[in-house]
Amino acid sequence: MITALTKSADDTRELGAAVASLASAGDVILLSGDLGAGKTTFTQGFGRGLGVQDDIVSPTFTLMRSYEGRLPLVHCDVYRLDHLQEVIDLGLAEMVDDDAVALVEWGDVAAPGLPADHLETRIELTESDDERRFELRPVGSSWLGRVDGLRAATERWQS
C-alpha cells in the first residue's frame, strides 16, 4: 500500500493526474471515503491527466458520466445504490469498458461486482480542512505490475 498526503484541492487534483499517467485501457479505480473527502476532486485531476477537456462533475444523481481523453473516462457514483444486487442489476461491470478507464466513487460497495484487478483508493479527512490522506492499494496482477511506477508517480505526496 502507498500512503500519500495532499494539502489542498489543487494538490489532490495533481495527485489524481499523477496516477492517471499510469492508466491503461480497462483499468478500474475504486474510490472510497466519507462525503466531502475528495473523490470527485481526485477524479477531476485524473481526468485532466487523461487530457479530458470537459468539466468533471459528480455523477451522484446520474450514476455515470463519460468523458473523452487519451483514454475514455467513465466516472460512476454508486452512493445511492443500497445493495450489491443493484450494482449487478444496473450492469455496472458491463459499463466498465475495456477501452476506457473507470473511476467508481463508493467503489468499496461495488467491488464484489467489478473486476478483481483494480486500484483501491481510500481518501480520509484529516484534522486540517484542506488536507487529505490517501491509501492506494493495487489489487490484481495489472496494478501490482505497476506498483513501482505508482510509487514513483506519487513520491511527492508520500508520507
Protein backbone atom coordinates (compact mmCIF):
# COMPACT_ATOMS: atom_id res chain seq x y z
CA MET A 1 0.00 0.00 0.00
CA ILE A 2 1.12 3.55 -0.78
CA THR A 3 0.17 6.37 1.57
CA ALA A 4 0.01 9.93 0.25
CA LEU A 5 -0.94 13.27 1.79
CA THR A 6 -2.36 16.24 -0.14
CA LYS A 7 -2.55 19.76 1.28
CA SER A 8 -5.31 21.31 -0.88
CA ALA A 9 -7.94 20.57 -3.53
CA ASP A 10 -5.46 21.54 -6.25
CA ASP A 11 -2.90 19.22 -4.69
CA THR A 12 -5.49 16.40 -4.73
CA ARG A 13 -6.14 17.08 -8.42
CA GLU A 14 -2.39 16.94 -9.10
CA LEU A 15 -2.18 13.56 -7.34
CA GLY A 16 -5.07 12.34 -9.50
CA ALA A 17 -3.25 13.48 -12.64
CA ALA A 18 -0.07 11.71 -11.50
CA VAL A 19 -1.97 8.42 -11.02
CA ALA A 20 -3.64 8.90 -14.43
CA SER A 21 -0.19 8.93 -16.06
CA LEU A 22 -0.10 5.18 -15.36
CA ALA A 23 -3.62 4.43 -16.61
CA SER A 24 -4.29 1.78 -19.22
CA ALA A 25 -7.45 0.82 -21.09
CA GLY A 26 -9.64 -1.40 -18.94
CA ASP A 27 -8.38 -0.04 -15.62
CA VAL A 28 -10.75 0.28 -12.68
CA ILE A 29 -10.06 2.63 -9.78
CA LEU A 30 -12.30 2.24 -6.74
CA LEU A 31 -12.65 5.42 -4.69
CA SER A 32 -13.88 5.33 -1.11
CA GLY A 33 -14.08 7.80 1.74
CA ASP A 34 -16.52 9.97 3.64
CA LEU A 35 -18.76 12.54 1.99
CA GLY A 36 -16.62 15.52 1.04
CA ALA A 37 -13.36 13.58 1.25
CA GLY A 38 -12.34 14.47 -2.31
CA LYS A 39 -13.40 11.59 -4.57
CA THR A 40 -14.70 13.89 -7.32
CA THR A 41 -11.76 16.28 -6.86
CA PHE A 42 -9.33 13.38 -7.36
CA THR A 43 -11.34 12.32 -10.43
CA GLN A 44 -11.11 15.85 -11.86
CA GLY A 45 -7.32 15.67 -11.66
CA PHE A 46 -7.31 12.13 -13.03
CA GLY A 47 -9.38 13.33 -15.98
CA ARG A 48 -7.01 16.25 -16.53
CA GLY A 49 -4.16 13.72 -16.57
CA LEU A 50 -6.00 11.84 -19.33
CA GLY A 51 -6.48 15.05 -21.31
CA VAL A 52 -10.21 15.42 -20.60
CA GLN A 53 -11.27 18.97 -21.55
CA ASP A 54 -14.83 18.89 -20.15
CA ASP A 55 -15.64 19.84 -16.57
CA ILE A 56 -15.90 16.70 -14.47
CA VAL A 57 -18.78 16.82 -12.01
CA SER A 58 -20.16 14.31 -9.55
CA PRO A 59 -22.42 11.71 -11.17
CA THR A 60 -24.35 11.17 -7.91
CA PHE A 61 -27.78 11.62 -9.49
CA THR A 62 -26.97 10.20 -12.93
CA LEU A 63 -24.86 7.26 -11.63
CA MET A 64 -22.44 7.52 -14.56
CA ARG A 65 -20.80 10.11 -16.83
CA SER A 66 -18.39 9.54 -19.72
CA TYR A 67 -15.60 11.83 -20.89
CA GLU A 68 -13.19 11.73 -23.84
CA GLY A 69 -9.43 11.97 -23.32
CA ARG A 70 -6.36 9.98 -24.43
CA LEU A 71 -8.41 7.13 -22.94
CA PRO A 72 -12.17 7.40 -22.41
CA LEU A 73 -13.04 8.03 -18.75
CA VAL A 74 -16.14 6.51 -17.16
CA HIS A 75 -16.98 8.16 -13.83
CA CYS A 76 -19.52 6.27 -11.69
CA ASP A 77 -21.06 7.01 -8.31
CA VAL A 78 -22.87 4.17 -6.57
CA TYR A 79 -23.65 6.12 -3.37
CA ARG A 80 -27.40 5.92 -3.97
CA LEU A 81 -27.36 2.15 -4.50
CA ASP A 82 -28.27 0.26 -1.34
CA HIS A 83 -27.29 -3.29 -2.21
CA LEU A 84 -24.72 -5.14 -4.28
CA GLN A 85 -27.58 -6.68 -6.26
CA GLU A 86 -28.44 -3.19 -7.54
CA VAL A 87 -24.89 -2.84 -8.87
CA ILE A 88 -25.29 -6.18 -10.64
CA ASP A 89 -28.78 -5.30 -11.95
CA LEU A 90 -27.53 -1.94 -13.21
CA GLY A 91 -24.89 -3.78 -15.23
CA LEU A 92 -22.04 -1.68 -13.87
CA ALA A 93 -19.49 -4.38 -14.68
CA GLU A 94 -20.59 -4.29 -18.32
CA MET A 95 -20.38 -0.47 -18.37
CA VAL A 96 -16.72 -0.69 -17.42
CA ASP A 97 -15.44 -0.70 -20.96
CA ASP A 98 -12.22 -2.49 -21.95
CA ASP A 99 -11.22 0.62 -23.91
CA ALA A 100 -11.89 3.04 -21.04
CA VAL A 101 -10.69 3.77 -17.53
CA ALA A 102 -13.41 3.61 -14.86
CA LEU A 103 -13.36 5.53 -11.59
CA VAL A 104 -16.08 4.34 -9.23
CA GLU A 105 -16.99 6.54 -6.26
CA TRP A 106 -18.08 4.50 -3.23
CA GLY A 107 -16.31 1.66 -5.04
CA ASP A 108 -15.91 -0.41 -1.90
CA VAL A 109 -19.67 -1.07 -2.11
CA ALA A 110 -19.44 -2.18 -5.74
CA ALA A 111 -16.13 -4.08 -5.56
CA PRO A 112 -17.61 -7.60 -5.46
CA GLY A 113 -19.49 -6.88 -8.70
CA LEU A 114 -16.50 -5.39 -10.55
CA PRO A 115 -13.27 -6.80 -11.99
CA ALA A 116 -10.90 -8.23 -9.38
CA ASP A 117 -7.98 -6.27 -10.89
CA HIS A 118 -8.26 -2.66 -9.65
CA LEU A 119 -6.66 0.13 -7.67
CA GLU A 120 -8.30 0.75 -4.30
CA THR A 121 -8.05 4.41 -3.38
CA ARG A 122 -9.20 5.30 0.13
CA ILE A 123 -9.42 9.01 0.95
CA GLU A 124 -9.55 10.16 4.55
CA LEU A 125 -10.23 13.57 6.03
CA THR A 126 -7.58 14.83 8.44
CA GLU A 127 -7.66 17.41 11.21
CA SER A 128 -6.77 20.13 8.68
CA ASP A 129 -9.69 21.28 6.50
CA ASP A 130 -7.82 21.01 3.19
CA GLU A 131 -5.53 18.07 3.89
CA ARG A 132 -6.40 14.55 2.71
CA ARG A 133 -4.74 11.19 3.39
CA PHE A 134 -4.78 8.68 0.52
CA GLU A 135 -4.19 4.95 0.74
CA LEU A 136 -3.53 3.45 -2.69
CA ARG A 137 -3.67 -0.33 -2.77
CA PRO A 138 -3.05 -2.20 -6.03
CA VAL A 139 -5.15 -5.35 -6.35
CA GLY A 140 -4.55 -7.91 -9.11
CA SER A 141 -1.68 -8.53 -11.49
CA SER A 142 -2.13 -5.45 -13.69
CA TRP A 143 -1.86 -2.89 -10.88
CA LEU A 144 0.68 -4.94 -8.92
CA GLY A 145 2.84 -4.89 -12.05
CA ARG A 146 2.76 -1.08 -11.97
CA VAL A 147 3.38 -0.61 -8.25
CA ASP A 148 6.92 0.74 -8.79
CA GLY A 149 5.59 3.26 -11.32
CA LEU A 150 2.77 4.18 -8.95
CA ARG A 151 5.22 4.68 -6.12
CA ALA A 152 7.43 6.89 -8.34
CA ALA A 153 4.49 8.92 -9.71
CA THR A 154 3.18 9.65 -6.21
CA GLU A 155 6.53 10.12 -4.47
CA ARG A 156 5.98 13.85 -3.93
CA TRP A 157 2.92 13.14 -1.74
CA GLN A 158 4.11 10.05 0.12
CA SER A 159 4.10 10.35 3.87
